[in-house]
Amino acid sequence: MQSTASPRAHPRQNRGPAAAADNRRALIAAAREVYAEGGLSAPFSAVAKRAGVGQGSLYRHFPDRTALAVAVFEDNVRDLEEYTSPPDRTIDDLFDRLVDQAVVSTAFIELITADLTDARVAVLGARFQTLVDRVVTRDRASGRVGTHIETDDVTLAAGMLATELARADPAQRPVVARRARALFAAAFAPR
């Protein structure tokens, strides 16, 4: 008879340093699930348990919750960089992807924005600023947004959107996203 238990329910066989990259990926995936279900009040240890790794592995990769949040957002920023790199991607495309990411990363938004001067967070902010600048420059050149729109305007809007999605009741997040996007579209339109 085959077991129906989740493979995450049992610790993995210790493969030593060879398993480091797999463990890190498993911990990040588990963190997304654990904190999406339980918010930031979920125990840090639940991440290791969900990933099927030991506490030592969790703390080797992520000594604190901020380090884990940075890893989640590093993946998010990398995804946004890749997603927005084709020349036909627009600010609307960027916001679509941000909404998708924010909905599954809501618990981390408060944590990552708690100390924007943290060097780990600042690096991600600079990368995000660079990708937003690329998209704004393209949209301005094509006439999709007004010349009055600056990179900082779109970055501010993205932060506002993420924060509002994080604070909204999960059932209301699509409505919040639609309303915010309508406001941004009106504000960004060419004049």
Protein backbone atom coordinates (compact mmCIF):
# COMPACT_ATOMS: atom_id res chain seq x y z
CA MET A 1 0.00 0.00 0.00
CA GLN A 2 1.37 3.40 -1.00
CA SER A 3 1.68 6.18 1.58
CA THR A 4 -0.48 9.25 1.06
CA ALA A 5 1.62 11.45 3.34
CA SER A 6 3.04 14.61 1.85
CA PRO A 7 6.72 14.35 0.95
CA ARG A 8 7.26 17.53 2.97
CA ALA A 9 6.01 15.80 6.10
CA HIS A 10 9.22 13.77 6.41
CA PRO A 11 12.68 15.24 6.72
CA ARG A 12 14.87 14.72 3.70
CA GLN A 13 17.87 12.46 3.80
CA ASN A 14 20.92 14.53 4.75
CA ARG A 15 23.01 15.03 1.61
CA GLY A 16 25.29 17.58 3.25
CA PRO A 17 26.54 20.59 1.27
CA ALA A 18 25.26 19.08 -1.99
CA ALA A 19 21.70 19.75 -0.81
CA ALA A 20 22.22 23.43 0.06
CA ALA A 21 20.68 24.92 -3.10
CA ASP A 22 17.72 22.51 -3.01
CA ASN A 23 17.16 23.23 0.68
CA ARG A 24 17.25 26.97 0.08
CA ARG A 25 14.65 26.70 -2.71
CA ALA A 26 12.49 24.44 -0.54
CA LEU A 27 12.69 26.88 2.36
CA ILE A 28 11.67 29.84 0.19
CA ALA A 29 8.72 27.90 -1.27
CA ALA A 30 7.70 26.74 2.20
CA ALA A 31 7.94 30.27 3.58
CA ARG A 32 5.57 31.55 0.90
CA GLU A 33 3.06 28.87 1.88
CA VAL A 34 3.47 29.12 5.67
CA TYR A 35 3.21 32.91 5.80
CA ALA A 36 0.41 33.05 3.21
CA GLU A 37 -1.60 30.74 5.46
CA GLY A 38 -0.62 32.04 8.90
CA GLY A 39 0.75 35.54 8.36
CA LEU A 40 3.87 36.73 10.11
CA SER A 41 2.64 35.27 13.37
CA ALA A 42 3.34 31.79 11.98
CA PRO A 43 6.34 30.27 13.76
CA PHE A 44 9.65 30.57 11.93
CA SER A 45 10.21 26.87 12.70
CA ALA A 46 7.11 26.00 10.64
CA VAL A 47 9.07 26.97 7.53
CA ALA A 48 11.71 24.31 8.18
CA LYS A 49 9.07 21.73 8.98
CA ARG A 50 7.08 22.50 5.81
CA ALA A 51 10.26 22.38 3.70
CA GLY A 52 11.25 19.04 5.23
CA VAL A 53 14.60 20.30 6.47
CA GLY A 54 16.09 20.75 9.91
CA GLN A 55 16.14 23.94 11.94
CA GLY A 56 19.91 24.18 11.42
CA SER A 57 19.43 24.36 7.66
CA LEU A 58 16.82 27.09 8.06
CA TYR A 59 19.12 29.23 10.23
CA ARG A 60 22.17 28.61 8.02
CA HIS A 61 20.31 30.01 5.03
CA PHE A 62 18.14 32.57 6.80
CA PRO A 63 19.33 33.74 10.22
CA ASP A 64 16.18 35.84 10.70
CA ARG A 65 12.79 36.57 9.17
CA THR A 66 14.11 39.58 7.29
CA ALA A 67 16.72 37.42 5.53
CA LEU A 68 13.92 35.08 4.48
CA ALA A 69 11.73 37.97 3.29
CA VAL A 70 14.66 39.36 1.31
CA ALA A 71 15.10 35.97 -0.39
CA VAL A 72 11.41 35.88 -1.32
CA PHE A 73 11.54 39.41 -2.73
CA GLU A 74 14.83 38.73 -4.49
CA ASP A 75 13.00 35.99 -6.39
CA ASN A 76 10.14 38.44 -7.04
CA VAL A 77 12.49 41.15 -8.35
CA ARG A 78 14.33 38.65 -10.55
CA ASP A 79 10.97 37.56 -11.98
CA LEU A 80 9.99 41.20 -12.63
CA GLU A 81 13.33 41.93 -14.30
CA GLU A 82 12.87 39.00 -16.65
CA TYR A 83 9.17 39.66 -17.22
CA THR A 84 9.61 43.34 -18.06
CA SER A 85 12.73 42.94 -20.22
CA PRO A 86 10.92 42.42 -23.59
CA PRO A 87 10.52 45.81 -25.28
CA ASP A 88 6.73 45.47 -25.54
CA ARG A 89 6.19 45.20 -21.76
CA THR A 90 4.44 48.20 -20.22
CA ILE A 91 3.69 49.71 -16.85
CA ASP A 92 0.35 47.89 -17.00
CA ASP A 93 2.21 44.59 -17.43
CA LEU A 94 4.44 45.47 -14.50
CA PHE A 95 1.42 46.21 -12.29
CA ASP A 96 -0.29 42.98 -13.37
CA ARG A 97 2.74 41.01 -12.23
CA LEU A 98 3.12 43.06 -9.04
CA VAL A 99 -0.49 42.31 -8.09
CA ASP A 100 0.09 38.59 -8.65
CA GLN A 101 3.23 38.68 -6.51
CA ALA A 102 1.77 40.85 -3.75
CA VAL A 103 -1.21 38.58 -3.25
CA VAL A 104 1.04 35.61 -2.41
CA SER A 105 3.67 37.66 -0.54
CA THR A 106 1.43 39.84 1.63
CA ALA A 107 2.89 38.69 4.93
CA PHE A 108 6.38 39.66 3.81
CA ILE A 109 5.46 43.17 2.63
CA GLU A 110 5.22 44.55 6.16
CA LEU A 111 8.45 42.84 7.15
CA ILE A 112 10.45 43.96 4.12
CA THR A 113 9.27 47.56 4.42
CA ALA A 114 9.87 47.78 8.17
CA ASP A 115 13.50 48.80 7.65
CA LEU A 116 14.18 50.08 4.17
CA THR A 117 17.67 51.15 5.27
CA ASP A 118 18.68 47.52 5.83
CA ALA A 119 21.43 46.93 3.23
CA ARG A 120 19.78 43.69 2.11
CA VAL A 121 16.53 45.51 1.40
CA ALA A 122 18.23 48.56 -0.16
CA VAL A 123 19.86 46.41 -2.86
CA LEU A 124 16.46 45.04 -3.87
CA GLY A 125 15.03 48.55 -3.90
CA ALA A 126 17.76 49.71 -6.27
CA ARG A 127 17.16 46.79 -8.62
CA PHE A 128 13.42 47.47 -8.59
CA GLN A 129 14.03 51.16 -9.29
CA THR A 130 16.20 50.24 -12.30
CA LEU A 131 13.59 47.96 -13.84
CA VAL A 132 10.82 50.50 -13.26
CA ASP A 133 12.97 53.19 -14.88
CA ARG A 134 13.39 51.00 -17.96
CA VAL A 135 9.62 50.46 -18.28
CA VAL A 136 8.75 54.12 -17.63
CA THR A 137 11.28 55.28 -20.22
CA ARG A 138 9.74 52.96 -22.83
CA ASP A 139 6.16 53.95 -21.97
CA ARG A 140 7.00 57.64 -22.06
CA ALA A 141 8.75 57.29 -25.44
CA SER A 142 5.77 55.43 -26.92
CA GLY A 143 3.23 57.89 -25.55
CA ARG A 144 1.53 55.32 -23.28
CA VAL A 145 2.15 57.56 -20.25
CA GLY A 146 2.58 61.28 -19.93
CA THR A 147 5.93 62.99 -19.89
CA HIS A 148 5.05 64.22 -16.40
CA ILE A 149 5.44 60.66 -15.05
CA GLU A 150 8.74 59.89 -13.35
CA THR A 151 10.18 56.58 -12.21
CA ASP A 152 9.61 57.61 -8.58
CA ASP A 153 5.89 58.09 -9.31
CA VAL A 154 5.53 54.51 -10.54
CA THR A 155 7.69 53.16 -7.70
CA LEU A 156 5.50 55.02 -5.20
CA ALA A 157 2.35 53.67 -6.85
CA ALA A 158 3.75 50.13 -6.73
CA GLY A 159 4.48 50.47 -3.01
CA MET A 160 1.04 51.87 -2.32
CA LEU A 161 -0.57 49.05 -4.28
CA ALA A 162 1.43 46.35 -2.48
CA THR A 163 0.68 47.86 0.93
CA GLU A 164 -3.04 48.15 0.26
CA LEU A 165 -3.19 44.57 -1.04
CA ALA A 166 -1.37 43.34 2.06
CA ARG A 167 -3.85 45.14 4.36
CA ALA A 168 -6.98 44.15 2.42
CA ASP A 169 -9.15 41.19 3.24
CA PRO A 170 -8.14 38.42 0.79
CA ALA A 171 -11.60 38.40 -0.79
CA GLN A 172 -11.36 42.16 -1.43
CA ARG A 173 -7.88 42.16 -3.00
CA PRO A 174 -9.12 41.98 -6.63
CA VAL A 175 -11.38 44.99 -6.00
CA VAL A 176 -8.57 46.93 -4.32
CA ALA A 177 -6.22 46.14 -7.22
CA ARG A 178 -8.79 47.26 -9.81
CA ARG A 179 -9.53 50.53 -8.02
CA ALA A 180 -5.86 51.36 -7.52
CA ARG A 181 -5.04 50.50 -11.13
CA ALA A 182 -7.86 52.79 -12.36
CA LEU A 183 -6.46 55.66 -10.28
CA PHE A 184 -2.95 55.05 -11.59
CA ALA A 185 -4.13 54.86 -15.21
CA ALA A 186 -5.86 58.23 -14.87
CA ALA A 187 -2.84 59.81 -13.17
CA PHE A 188 -0.31 58.38 -15.63
CA ALA A 189 -2.26 59.18 -18.82
CA PRO A 190 -0.69 61.62 -21.29
CA ARG A 191 -1.92 65.18 -20.82
